[in-house]
Amino acid sequence: MSDENSRRTDRLEANLAHLEHQVEELNDVIIEQGKLLERLKKEVQRQSTAMQTLELERVKSNITKPPHYQ
């Protein structure tokens, strides 16, 4: 009985060590994805601002003053 309990304990400890390792690896992946997500958010915001600026410039260039203002 003691031998069986010892084997079960060893197996449980091995499984626990494996799961702890997997959790650490997954945590590292999540951290990297979070960093990537932040970089992508900033890039999208930068591009959105640039596009708004370009659109505003395009609209301004298409506006012509009526003849009586020239």
Protein backbone atom coordinates (compact mmCIF):
# COMPACT_ATOMS: atom_id res chain seq x y z
CA MET A 1 0.00 0.00 0.00
CA SER A 2 2.80 2.39 0.85
CA ASP A 3 4.51 1.62 -2.46
CA GLU A 4 1.32 2.42 -4.34
CA ASN A 5 0.85 5.70 -2.48
CA SER A 6 4.45 6.61 -3.18
CA ARG A 7 4.00 5.97 -6.90
CA ARG A 8 0.78 7.95 -6.98
CA THR A 9 2.44 10.84 -5.14
CA ASP A 10 5.38 10.77 -7.55
CA ARG A 11 3.05 10.77 -10.53
CA LEU A 12 1.01 13.64 -9.09
CA GLU A 13 4.17 15.65 -8.42
CA ALA A 14 5.40 15.04 -11.97
CA ASN A 15 2.05 16.10 -13.39
CA LEU A 16 2.02 19.19 -11.20
CA ALA A 17 5.53 20.15 -12.33
CA HIS A 18 4.48 19.72 -15.96
CA LEU A 19 1.37 21.86 -15.45
CA GLU A 20 3.37 24.56 -13.67
CA HIS A 21 5.77 24.66 -16.61
CA GLN A 22 2.88 24.96 -19.07
CA VAL A 23 1.33 27.79 -17.04
CA GLU A 24 4.65 29.67 -17.11
CA GLU A 25 4.93 29.22 -20.88
CA LEU A 26 1.34 30.36 -21.43
CA ASN A 27 1.92 33.37 -19.19
CA ASP A 28 4.95 34.35 -21.29
CA VAL A 29 2.87 34.06 -24.46
CA ILE A 30 0.10 36.19 -22.96
CA ILE A 31 2.59 38.87 -21.91
CA GLU A 32 4.10 38.99 -25.41
CA GLN A 33 0.65 39.16 -27.01
CA GLY A 34 -0.28 42.01 -24.67
CA LYS A 35 2.83 43.93 -25.74
CA LEU A 36 2.06 43.27 -29.40
CA LEU A 37 -1.54 44.37 -28.92
CA GLU A 38 -0.41 47.66 -27.38
CA ARG A 39 2.01 48.30 -30.25
CA LEU A 40 -0.71 47.53 -32.79
CA LYS A 41 -3.19 49.82 -31.02
CA LYS A 42 -0.68 52.67 -31.16
CA GLU A 43 0.03 52.01 -34.83
CA VAL A 44 -3.67 51.94 -35.70
CA GLN A 45 -4.19 55.19 -33.79
CA ARG A 46 -1.24 56.80 -35.60
CA GLN A 47 -2.52 55.69 -39.00
CA SER A 48 -6.05 56.79 -38.17
CA THR A 49 -4.80 60.25 -37.22
CA ALA A 50 -2.75 60.44 -40.40
CA MET A 51 -5.74 59.43 -42.53
CA GLN A 52 -7.96 62.00 -40.83
CA THR A 53 -5.36 64.68 -41.51
CA LEU A 54 -5.10 63.66 -45.16
CA GLU A 55 -8.88 63.60 -45.53
CA LEU A 56 -9.18 67.04 -43.97
CA GLU A 57 -6.52 68.40 -46.33
CA ARG A 58 -8.31 66.82 -49.31
CA VAL A 59 -11.63 68.33 -48.29
CA LYS A 60 -10.03 71.75 -47.75
CA SER A 61 -8.37 71.64 -51.16
CA ASN A 62 -11.69 70.85 -52.86
CA ILE A 63 -13.49 73.79 -51.29
CA THR A 64 -13.55 76.70 -53.65
CA LYS A 65 -14.54 80.18 -52.63
CA PRO A 66 -17.52 81.68 -54.38
CA PRO A 67 -16.59 84.26 -57.02
CA HIS A 68 -17.69 87.21 -54.88
CA TYR A 69 -15.08 86.30 -52.21
CA GLN A 70 -12.15 86.25 -54.61
